[in-house]
Amino acid sequence: APSDLPPPPLALPPRAALFLDLDGTLAPIMPRPEQVGPDAR
């Protein structure tokens, strides 16, 4: 159940590989997909 989940540990596992979704994960969900663009941070 999502409400039971803690935040992830700050330390990644040894020799970790990161697989990241984009919309809603690395970028906000926007009303139209083309409104998501580059971000300096």
PDB file of all heavy atoms in Angstrom:
ATOM      1  N   ALA A   1       0.865  -1.176   0.000  1.00  0.00           N
ATOM      2  CA  ALA A   1       0.000   0.000   0.000  1.00  0.00           C
ATOM      3  C   ALA A   1       0.906   1.231   0.000  1.00  0.00           C
ATOM      4  O   ALA A   1       1.812   1.334   0.820  1.00  0.00           O
ATOM      5  CB  ALA A   1      -0.887   0.001   1.238  1.00  0.00           C
ATOM      6  N   PRO A   2       0.711   2.173  -0.947  1.00  0.00           N
ATOM      7  CA  PRO A   2       1.606   3.324  -1.022  1.00  0.00           C
ATOM      8  C   PRO A   2       1.741   4.094   0.286  1.00  0.00           C
ATOM      9  O   PRO A   2       2.813   4.611   0.600  1.00  0.00           O
ATOM     10  CB  PRO A   2       0.967   4.189  -2.116  1.00  0.00           C
ATOM     11  CG  PRO A   2       0.242   3.213  -2.974  1.00  0.00           C
ATOM     12  CD  PRO A   2      -0.267   2.156  -2.034  1.00  0.00           C
ATOM     13  N   SER A   3       0.662   4.160   1.082  1.00  0.00           N
ATOM     14  CA  SER A   3       0.722   4.915   2.334  1.00  0.00           C
ATOM     15  C   SER A   3       1.683   4.291   3.337  1.00  0.00           C
ATOM     16  O   SER A   3       2.131   4.954   4.276  1.00  0.00           O
ATOM     17  CB  SER A   3      -0.675   5.006   2.958  1.00  0.00           C
ATOM     18  OG  SER A   3      -1.193   3.706   3.201  1.00  0.00           O
ATOM     19  N   ASP A   4       2.025   3.024   3.137  1.00  0.00           N
ATOM     20  CA  ASP A   4       2.916   2.329   4.051  1.00  0.00           C
ATOM     21  C   ASP A   4       4.388   2.475   3.670  1.00  0.00           C
ATOM     22  O   ASP A   4       5.264   2.019   4.402  1.00  0.00           O
ATOM     23  CB  ASP A   4       2.587   0.828   4.103  1.00  0.00           C
ATOM     24  CG  ASP A   4       1.201   0.562   4.661  1.00  0.00           C
ATOM     25  OD1 ASP A   4       0.692   1.425   5.395  1.00  0.00           O
ATOM     26  OD2 ASP A   4       0.632  -0.501   4.344  1.00  0.00           O
ATOM     27  N   LEU A   5       4.662   3.072   2.519  1.00  0.00           N
ATOM     28  CA  LEU A   5       6.029   3.082   2.004  1.00  0.00           C
ATOM     29  C   LEU A   5       6.852   4.224   2.591  1.00  0.00           C
ATOM     30  O   LEU A   5       6.432   5.381   2.542  1.00  0.00           O
ATOM     31  CB  LEU A   5       6.022   3.193   0.482  1.00  0.00           C
ATOM     32  CG  LEU A   5       5.331   2.060  -0.286  1.00  0.00           C
ATOM     33  CD1 LEU A   5       5.449   2.299  -1.777  1.00  0.00           C
ATOM     34  CD2 LEU A   5       5.913   0.716   0.083  1.00  0.00           C
ATOM     35  N   PRO A   6       8.046   3.943   3.083  1.00  0.00           N
ATOM     36  CA  PRO A   6       8.938   4.998   3.568  1.00  0.00           C
ATOM     37  C   PRO A   6       9.696   5.624   2.394  1.00  0.00           C
ATOM     38  O   PRO A   6       9.688   5.085   1.281  1.00  0.00           O
ATOM     39  CB  PRO A   6       9.901   4.228   4.478  1.00  0.00           C
ATOM     40  CG  PRO A   6      10.004   2.892   3.821  1.00  0.00           C
ATOM     41  CD  PRO A   6       8.621   2.600   3.273  1.00  0.00           C
ATOM     42  N   PRO A   7      10.344   6.764   2.617  1.00  0.00           N
ATOM     43  CA  PRO A   7      11.207   7.321   1.581  1.00  0.00           C
ATOM     44  C   PRO A   7      12.425   6.430   1.365  1.00  0.00           C
ATOM     45  O   PRO A   7      12.820   5.681   2.276  1.00  0.00           O
ATOM     46  CB  PRO A   7      11.602   8.693   2.130  1.00  0.00           C
ATOM     47  CG  PRO A   7      11.435   8.565   3.606  1.00  0.00           C
ATOM     48  CD  PRO A   7      10.299   7.610   3.821  1.00  0.00           C
ATOM     49  N   PRO A   8      13.034   6.473   0.190  1.00  0.00           N
ATOM     50  CA  PRO A   8      14.203   5.631  -0.069  1.00  0.00           C
ATOM     51  C   PRO A   8      15.408   6.098   0.736  1.00  0.00           C
ATOM     52  O   PRO A   8      15.506   7.277   1.105  1.00  0.00           O
ATOM     53  CB  PRO A   8      14.450   5.819  -1.570  1.00  0.00           C
ATOM     54  CG  PRO A   8      13.871   7.158  -1.875  1.00  0.00           C
ATOM     55  CD  PRO A   8      12.675   7.301  -0.978  1.00  0.00           C
ATOM     56  N   PRO A   9      16.346   5.206   1.028  1.00  0.00           N
ATOM     57  CA  PRO A   9      17.563   5.625   1.727  1.00  0.00           C
ATOM     58  C   PRO A   9      18.367   6.594   0.874  1.00  0.00           C
ATOM     59  O   PRO A   9      18.325   6.536  -0.357  1.00  0.00           O
ATOM     60  CB  PRO A   9      18.311   4.300   1.937  1.00  0.00           C
ATOM     61  CG  PRO A   9      17.750   3.371   0.920  1.00  0.00           C
ATOM     62  CD  PRO A   9      16.334   3.773   0.698  1.00  0.00           C
ATOM     63  N   LEU A  10      19.089   7.491   1.543  1.00  0.00           N
ATOM     64  CA  LEU A  10      19.906   8.449   0.801  1.00  0.00           C
ATOM     65  C   LEU A  10      21.026   7.747   0.049  1.00  0.00           C
ATOM     66  O   LEU A  10      21.392   8.146  -1.061  1.00  0.00           O
ATOM     67  CB  LEU A  10      20.485   9.498   1.752  1.00  0.00           C
ATOM     68  CG  LEU A  10      19.494  10.513   2.323  1.00  0.00           C
ATOM     69  CD1 LEU A  10      20.212  11.521   3.202  1.00  0.00           C
ATOM     70  CD2 LEU A  10      18.750  11.232   1.196  1.00  0.00           C
ATOM     71  N   ALA A  11      21.595   6.722   0.650  1.00  0.00           N
ATOM     72  CA  ALA A  11      22.690   6.003   0.000  1.00  0.00           C
ATOM     73  C   ALA A  11      22.131   5.002  -1.006  1.00  0.00           C
ATOM     74  O   ALA A  11      21.330   4.144  -0.651  1.00  0.00           O
ATOM     75  CB  ALA A  11      23.539   5.295   1.049  1.00  0.00           C
ATOM     76  N   LEU A  12      22.549   5.119  -2.248  1.00  0.00           N
ATOM     77  CA  LEU A  12      22.165   4.130  -3.251  1.00  0.00           C
ATOM     78  C   LEU A  12      22.922   2.827  -2.987  1.00  0.00           C
ATOM     79  O   LEU A  12      23.971   2.828  -2.338  1.00  0.00           O
ATOM     80  CB  LEU A  12      22.510   4.654  -4.648  1.00  0.00           C
ATOM     81  CG  LEU A  12      21.674   5.836  -5.145  1.00  0.00           C
ATOM     82  CD1 LEU A  12      22.265   6.387  -6.436  1.00  0.00           C
ATOM     83  CD2 LEU A  12      20.219   5.426  -5.351  1.00  0.00           C
ATOM     84  N   PRO A  13      22.411   1.701  -3.482  1.00  0.00           N
ATOM     85  CA  PRO A  13      23.139   0.434  -3.304  1.00  0.00           C
ATOM     86  C   PRO A  13      24.515   0.503  -3.948  1.00  0.00           C
ATOM     87  O   PRO A  13      24.741   1.295  -4.873  1.00  0.00           O
ATOM     88  CB  PRO A  13      22.244  -0.588  -4.025  1.00  0.00           C
ATOM     89  CG  PRO A  13      20.905   0.048  -4.116  1.00  0.00           C
ATOM     90  CD  PRO A  13      21.138   1.515  -4.206  1.00  0.00           C
ATOM     91  N   PRO A  14      25.440  -0.319  -3.490  1.00  0.00           N
ATOM     92  CA  PRO A  14      26.745  -0.388  -4.153  1.00  0.00           C
ATOM     93  C   PRO A  14      26.577  -0.725  -5.639  1.00  0.00           C
ATOM     94  O   PRO A  14      25.768  -1.576  -5.999  1.00  0.00           O
ATOM     95  CB  PRO A  14      27.468  -1.516  -3.407  1.00  0.00           C
ATOM     96  CG  PRO A  14      26.788  -1.583  -2.080  1.00  0.00           C
ATOM     97  CD  PRO A  14      25.355  -1.226  -2.330  1.00  0.00           C
ATOM     98  N   ARG A  15      27.321  -0.055  -6.470  1.00  0.00           N
ATOM     99  CA  ARG A  15      27.253  -0.227  -7.930  1.00  0.00           C
ATOM    100  C   ARG A  15      25.799  -0.202  -8.424  1.00  0.00           C
ATOM    101  O   ARG A  15      25.332  -1.081  -9.141  1.00  0.00           O
ATOM    102  CB  ARG A  15      27.945  -1.513  -8.376  1.00  0.00           C
ATOM    103  CG  ARG A  15      28.376  -1.458  -9.842  1.00  0.00           C
ATOM    104  CD  ARG A  15      29.317  -2.573 -10.252  1.00  0.00           C
ATOM    105  NE  ARG A  15      29.773  -2.318 -11.609  1.00  0.00           N
ATOM    106  CZ  ARG A  15      29.084  -2.655 -12.704  1.00  0.00           C
ATOM    107  NH1 ARG A  15      27.935  -3.288 -12.592  1.00  0.00           N
ATOM    108  NH2 ARG A  15      29.552  -2.372 -13.902  1.00  0.00           N
ATOM    109  N   ALA A  16      25.104   0.847  -8.045  1.00  0.00           N
ATOM    110  CA  ALA A  16      23.711   1.002  -8.456  1.00  0.00           C
ATOM    111  C   ALA A  16      23.610   1.420  -9.917  1.00  0.00           C
ATOM    112  O   ALA A  16      24.521   2.045 -10.483  1.00  0.00           O
ATOM    113  CB  ALA A  16      23.028   2.045  -7.586  1.00  0.00           C
ATOM    114  N   ALA A  17      22.478   1.068 -10.530  1.00  0.00           N
ATOM    115  CA  ALA A  17      22.089   1.580 -11.844  1.00  0.00           C
ATOM    116  C   ALA A  17      20.733   2.240 -11.677  1.00  0.00           C
ATOM    117  O   ALA A  17      19.810   1.642 -11.114  1.00  0.00           O
ATOM    118  CB  ALA A  17      22.006   0.456 -12.867  1.00  0.00           C
ATOM    119  N   LEU A  18      20.607   3.465 -12.141  1.00  0.00           N
ATOM    120  CA  LEU A  18      19.353   4.203 -12.006  1.00  0.00           C
ATOM    121  C   LEU A  18      18.568   4.161 -13.306  1.00  0.00           C
ATOM    122  O   LEU A  18      19.096   4.450 -14.385  1.00  0.00           O
ATOM    123  CB  LEU A  18      19.641   5.668 -11.652  1.00  0.00           C
ATOM    124  CG  LEU A  18      19.764   6.035 -10.178  1.00  0.00           C
ATOM    125  CD1 LEU A  18      20.125   7.517 -10.057  1.00  0.00           C
ATOM    126  CD2 LEU A  18      18.470   5.740  -9.421  1.00  0.00           C
ATOM    127  N   PHE A  19      17.288   3.810 -13.186  1.00  0.00           N
ATOM    128  CA  PHE A  19      16.355   3.820 -14.306  1.00  0.00           C
ATOM    129  C   PHE A  19      15.227   4.779 -13.933  1.00  0.00           C
ATOM    130  O   PHE A  19      14.476   4.528 -12.984  1.00  0.00           O
ATOM    131  CB  PHE A  19      15.830   2.413 -14.568  1.00  0.00           C
ATOM    132  CG  PHE A  19      16.912   1.439 -14.933  1.00  0.00           C
ATOM    133  CD1 PHE A  19      17.506   0.652 -13.957  1.00  0.00           C
ATOM    134  CD2 PHE A  19      17.360   1.346 -16.238  1.00  0.00           C
ATOM    135  CE1 PHE A  19      18.520  -0.237 -14.286  1.00  0.00           C
ATOM    136  CE2 PHE A  19      18.373   0.462 -16.576  1.00  0.00           C
ATOM    137  CZ  PHE A  19      18.961  -0.333 -15.600  1.00  0.00           C
ATOM    138  N   LEU A  20      15.123   5.880 -14.658  1.00  0.00           N
ATOM    139  CA  LEU A  20      14.242   6.980 -14.272  1.00  0.00           C
ATOM    140  C   LEU A  20      13.174   7.225 -15.323  1.00  0.00           C
ATOM    141  O   LEU A  20      13.475   7.399 -16.513  1.00  0.00           O
ATOM    142  CB  LEU A  20      15.058   8.265 -14.078  1.00  0.00           C
ATOM    143  CG  LEU A  20      16.236   8.186 -13.107  1.00  0.00           C
ATOM    144  CD1 LEU A  20      17.044   9.492 -13.144  1.00  0.00           C
ATOM    145  CD2 LEU A  20      15.749   7.903 -11.694  1.00  0.00           C
ATOM    146  N   ASP A  21      11.926   7.249 -14.890  1.00  0.00           N
ATOM    147  CA  ASP A  21      10.840   7.728 -15.729  1.00  0.00           C
ATOM    148  C   ASP A  21      11.033   9.242 -15.919  1.00  0.00           C
ATOM    149  O   ASP A  21      11.823   9.881 -15.206  1.00  0.00           O
ATOM    150  CB  ASP A  21       9.512   7.418 -15.031  1.00  0.00           C
ATOM    151  CG  ASP A  21       8.314   7.892 -15.820  1.00  0.00           C
ATOM    152  OD1 ASP A  21       8.334   7.811 -17.054  1.00  0.00           O
ATOM    153  OD2 ASP A  21       7.344   8.364 -15.196  1.00  0.00           O
ATOM    154  N   LEU A  22      10.299   9.826 -16.857  1.00  0.00           N
ATOM    155  CA  LEU A  22      10.458  11.257 -17.128  1.00  0.00           C
ATOM    156  C   LEU A  22       9.292  12.074 -16.572  1.00  0.00           C
ATOM    157  O   LEU A  22       9.425  12.733 -15.545  1.00  0.00           O
ATOM    158  CB  LEU A  22      10.618  11.474 -18.635  1.00  0.00           C
ATOM    159  CG  LEU A  22      10.822  12.914 -19.128  1.00  0.00           C
ATOM    160  CD1 LEU A  22      11.908  13.634 -18.342  1.00  0.00           C
ATOM    161  CD2 LEU A  22      11.132  12.919 -20.612  1.00  0.00           C
ATOM    162  N   ASP A  23       8.130  12.000 -17.194  1.00  0.00           N
ATOM    163  CA  ASP A  23       6.995  12.821 -16.764  1.00  0.00           C
ATOM    164  C   ASP A  23       6.489  12.372 -15.395  1.00  0.00           C
ATOM    165  O   ASP A  23       6.213  11.193 -15.174  1.00  0.00           O
ATOM    166  CB  ASP A  23       5.862  12.725 -17.783  1.00  0.00           C
ATOM    167  CG  ASP A  23       6.241  13.339 -19.111  1.00  0.00           C
ATOM    168  OD1 ASP A  23       6.195  14.570 -19.230  1.00  0.00           O
ATOM    169  OD2 ASP A  23       6.621  12.579 -20.023  1.00  0.00           O
ATOM    170  N   GLY A  24       6.383  13.326 -14.478  1.00  0.00           N
ATOM    171  CA  GLY A  24       5.940  13.023 -13.132  1.00  0.00           C
ATOM    172  C   GLY A  24       7.050  12.530 -12.226  1.00  0.00           C
ATOM    173  O   GLY A  24       6.848  12.365 -11.025  1.00  0.00           O
ATOM    174  N   THR A  25       8.241  12.313 -12.789  1.00  0.00           N
ATOM    175  CA  THR A  25       9.376  11.799 -12.025  1.00  0.00           C
ATOM    176  C   THR A  25      10.560  12.746 -12.098  1.00  0.00           C
ATOM    177  O   THR A  25      11.071  13.204 -11.079  1.00  0.00           O
ATOM    178  CB  THR A  25       9.781  10.405 -12.542  1.00  0.00           C
ATOM    179  OG1 THR A  25       8.674   9.504 -12.384  1.00  0.00           O
ATOM    180  CG2 THR A  25      10.981   9.860 -11.780  1.00  0.00           C
ATOM    181  N   LEU A  26      11.000  13.057 -13.305  1.00  0.00           N
ATOM    182  CA  LEU A  26      12.063  14.049 -13.495  1.00  0.00           C
ATOM    183  C   LEU A  26      11.500  15.406 -13.900  1.00  0.00           C
ATOM    184  O   LEU A  26      12.226  16.405 -13.889  1.00  0.00           O
ATOM    185  CB  LEU A  26      13.040  13.585 -14.577  1.00  0.00           C
ATOM    186  CG  LEU A  26      13.998  12.455 -14.207  1.00  0.00           C
ATOM    187  CD1 LEU A  26      14.802  12.038 -15.435  1.00  0.00           C
ATOM    188  CD2 LEU A  26      14.927  12.867 -13.072  1.00  0.00           C
ATOM    189  N   ALA A  27      10.244  15.438 -14.261  1.00  0.00           N
ATOM    190  CA  ALA A  27       9.609  16.678 -14.725  1.00  0.00           C
ATOM    191  C   ALA A  27       8.156  16.684 -14.267  1.00  0.00           C
ATOM    192  O   ALA A  27       7.562  15.628 -14.043  1.00  0.00           O
ATOM    193  CB  ALA A  27       9.674  16.776 -16.251  1.00  0.00           C
ATOM    194  N   PRO A  28       7.557  17.872 -14.132  1.00  0.00           N
ATOM    195  CA  PRO A  28       6.157  17.935 -13.725  1.00  0.00           C
ATOM    196  C   PRO A  28       5.236  17.472 -14.841  1.00  0.00           C
ATOM    197  O   PRO A  28       5.579  17.539 -16.019  1.00  0.00           O
ATOM    198  CB  PRO A  28       5.957  19.430 -13.429  1.00  0.00           C
ATOM    199  CG  PRO A  28       6.955  20.125 -14.299  1.00  0.00           C
ATOM    200  CD  PRO A  28       8.153  19.218 -14.343  1.00  0.00           C
ATOM    201  N   ILE A  29       4.062  16.989 -14.454  1.00  0.00           N
ATOM    202  CA  ILE A  29       3.012  16.690 -15.437  1.00  0.00           C
ATOM    203  C   ILE A  29       2.407  18.020 -15.887  1.00  0.00           C
ATOM    204  O   ILE A  29       1.968  18.818 -15.069  1.00  0.00           O
ATOM    205  CB  ILE A  29       1.922  15.800 -14.826  1.00  0.00           C
ATOM    206  CG1 ILE A  29       2.514  14.461 -14.349  1.00  0.00           C
ATOM    207  CG2 ILE A  29       0.797  15.592 -15.817  1.00  0.00           C
ATOM    208  CD1 ILE A  29       2.907  13.520 -15.440  1.00  0.00           C
ATOM    209  N   MET A  30       2.386  18.239 -17.187  1.00  0.00           N
ATOM    210  CA  MET A  30       1.848  19.479 -17.740  1.00  0.00           C
ATOM    211  C   MET A  30       0.546  19.195 -18.502  1.00  0.00           C
ATOM    212  O   MET A  30       0.300  18.053 -18.910  1.00  0.00           O
ATOM    213  CB  MET A  30       2.876  20.115 -18.680  1.00  0.00           C
ATOM    214  CG  MET A  30       4.203  20.451 -18.009  1.00  0.00           C
ATOM    215  SD  MET A  30       4.060  21.732 -16.750  1.00  0.00           S
ATOM    216  CE  MET A  30       3.882  23.187 -17.780  1.00  0.00           C
ATOM    217  N   PRO A  31      -0.288  20.230 -18.706  1.00  0.00           N
ATOM    218  CA  PRO A  31      -1.538  20.010 -19.435  1.00  0.00           C
ATOM    219  C   PRO A  31      -1.335  19.424 -20.823  1.00  0.00           C
ATOM    220  O   PRO A  31      -2.145  18.634 -21.299  1.00  0.00           O
ATOM    221  CB  PRO A  31      -2.147  21.417 -19.501  1.00  0.00           C
ATOM    222  CG  PRO A  31      -1.579  22.120 -18.312  1.00  0.00           C
ATOM    223  CD  PRO A  31      -0.183  21.600 -18.167  1.00  0.00           C
ATOM    224  N   ARG A  32      -0.241  19.817 -21.497  1.00  0.00           N
ATOM    225  CA  ARG A  32       0.078  19.291 -22.820  1.00  0.00           C
ATOM    226  C   ARG A  32       1.512  18.778 -22.804  1.00  0.00           C
ATOM    227  O   ARG A  32       2.406  19.442 -22.267  1.00  0.00           O
ATOM    228  CB  ARG A  32      -0.077  20.378 -23.896  1.00  0.00           C
ATOM    229  CG  ARG A  32      -1.485  20.962 -23.992  1.00  0.00           C
ATOM    230  CD  ARG A  32      -1.569  22.039 -25.055  1.00  0.00           C
ATOM    231  NE  ARG A  32      -1.365  21.498 -26.389  1.00  0.00           N
ATOM    232  CZ  ARG A  32      -2.344  21.018 -27.156  1.00  0.00           C
ATOM    233  NH1 ARG A  32      -3.600  21.001 -26.709  1.00  0.00           N
ATOM    234  NH2 ARG A  32      -2.083  20.553 -28.356  1.00  0.00           N
ATOM    235  N   PRO A  33       1.790  17.608 -23.368  1.00  0.00           N
ATOM    236  CA  PRO A  33       3.139  17.023 -23.304  1.00  0.00           C
ATOM    237  C   PRO A  33       4.235  17.931 -23.844  1.00  0.00           C
ATOM    238  O   PRO A  33       5.353  17.946 -23.317  1.00  0.00           O
ATOM    239  CB  PRO A  33       3.002  15.754 -24.159  1.00  0.00           C
ATOM    240  CG  PRO A  33       1.564  15.392 -24.092  1.00  0.00           C
ATOM    241  CD  PRO A  33       0.822  16.705 -24.026  1.00  0.00           C
ATOM    242  N   GLU A  34       3.931  18.710 -24.879  1.00  0.00           N
ATOM    243  CA  GLU A  34       4.970  19.563 -25.476  1.00  0.00           C
ATOM    244  C   GLU A  34       5.361  20.734 -24.579  1.00  0.00           C
ATOM    245  O   GLU A  34       6.359  21.427 -24.851  1.00  0.00           O
ATOM    246  CB  GLU A  34       4.516  20.072 -26.847  1.00  0.00           C
ATOM    247  CG  GLU A  34       3.327  21.019 -26.825  1.00  0.00           C
ATOM    248  CD  GLU A  34       1.995  20.296 -26.953  1.00  0.00           C
ATOM    249  OE1 GLU A  34       1.928  19.092 -26.662  1.00  0.00           O
ATOM    250  OE2 GLU A  34       1.019  20.964 -27.362  1.00  0.00           O
ATOM    251  N   GLN A  35       4.592  20.971 -23.513  1.00  0.00           N
ATOM    252  CA  GLN A  35       4.942  22.062 -22.593  1.00  0.00           C
ATOM    253  C   GLN A  35       6.096  21.697 -21.664  1.00  0.00           C
ATOM    254  O   GLN A  35       6.632  22.569 -20.986  1.00  0.00           O
ATOM    255  CB  GLN A  35       3.707  22.444 -21.769  1.00  0.00           C
ATOM    256  CG  GLN A  35       2.611  23.101 -22.592  1.00  0.00           C
ATOM    257  CD  GLN A  35       1.341  23.351 -21.799  1.00  0.00           C
ATOM    258  OE1 GLN A  35       1.013  22.601 -20.869  1.00  0.00           O
ATOM    259  NE2 GLN A  35       0.616  24.404 -22.155  1.00  0.00           N
ATOM    260  N   VAL A  36       6.470  20.435 -21.602  1.00  0.00           N
ATOM    261  CA  VAL A  36       7.632  20.027 -20.813  1.00  0.00           C
ATOM    262  C   VAL A  36       8.877  20.267 -21.647  1.00  0.00           C
ATOM    263  O   VAL A  36       8.968  19.814 -22.793  1.00  0.00           O
ATOM    264  CB  VAL A  36       7.539  18.543 -20.410  1.00  0.00           C
ATOM    265  CG1 VAL A  36       8.771  18.125 -19.616  1.00  0.00           C
ATOM    266  CG2 VAL A  36       6.276  18.284 -19.612  1.00  0.00           C
ATOM    267  N   GLY A  37       9.837  20.983 -21.073  1.00  0.00           N
ATOM    268  CA  GLY A  37      11.046  21.314 -21.809  1.00  0.00           C
ATOM    269  C   GLY A  37      12.286  21.206 -20.950  1.00  0.00           C
ATOM    270  O   GLY A  37      12.237  20.720 -19.815  1.00  0.00           O
ATOM    271  N   PRO A  38      13.426  21.641 -21.484  1.00  0.00           N
ATOM    272  CA  PRO A  38      14.685  21.576 -20.744  1.00  0.00           C
ATOM    273  C   PRO A  38      14.620  22.338 -19.428  1.00  0.00           C
ATOM    274  O   PRO A  38      13.848  23.295 -19.267  1.00  0.00           O
ATOM    275  CB  PRO A  38      15.689  22.221 -21.708  1.00  0.00           C
ATOM    276  CG  PRO A  38      15.092  22.019 -23.067  1.00  0.00           C
ATOM    277  CD  PRO A  38      13.614  22.143 -22.859  1.00  0.00           C
ATOM    278  N   ASP A  39      15.435  21.900 -18.475  1.00  0.00           N
ATOM    279  CA  ASP A  39      15.481  22.510 -17.145  1.00  0.00           C
ATOM    280  C   ASP A  39      16.928  22.487 -16.670  1.00  0.00           C
ATOM    281  O   ASP A  39      17.570  21.427 -16.694  1.00  0.00           O
ATOM    282  CB  ASP A  39      14.575  21.736 -16.189  1.00  0.00           C
ATOM    283  CG  ASP A  39      14.646  22.265 -14.764  1.00  0.00           C
ATOM    284  OD1 ASP A  39      13.942  23.244 -14.467  1.00  0.00           O
ATOM    285  OD2 ASP A  39      15.420  21.694 -13.963  1.00  0.00           O
ATOM    286  N   ALA A  40      17.432  23.635 -16.223  1.00  0.00           N
ATOM    287  CA  ALA A  40      18.850  23.747 -15.872  1.00  0.00           C
ATOM    288  C   ALA A  40      19.220  22.864 -14.684  1.00  0.00           C
ATOM    289  O   ALA A  40      20.270  22.202 -14.692  1.00  0.00           O
ATOM    290  CB  ALA A  40      19.196  25.208 -15.580  1.00  0.00           C
ATOM    291  N   ARG A  41      18.372  22.856 -13.655  1.00  0.00           N
ATOM    292  CA  ARG A  41      18.701  22.034 -12.480  1.00  0.00           C
ATOM    293  C   ARG A  41      18.731  20.554 -12.842  1.00  0.00           C
ATOM    294  O   ARG A  41      19.643  19.816 -12.444  1.00  0.00           O
ATOM    295  CB  ARG A  41      17.684  22.271 -11.362  1.00  0.00           C
ATOM    296  CG  ARG A  41      17.997  21.446 -10.111  1.00  0.00           C
ATOM    297  CD  ARG A  41      16.872  21.398  -9.116  1.00  0.00           C
ATOM    298  NE  ARG A  41      17.225  20.594  -7.951  1.00  0.00           N
ATOM    299  CZ  ARG A  41      16.369  20.183  -7.029  1.00  0.00           C
ATOM    300  NH1 ARG A  41      15.092  20.529  -7.127  1.00  0.00           N
ATOM    301  NH2 ARG A  41      16.772  19.433  -6.016  1.00  0.00           N
TER     302      ARG A  41
END
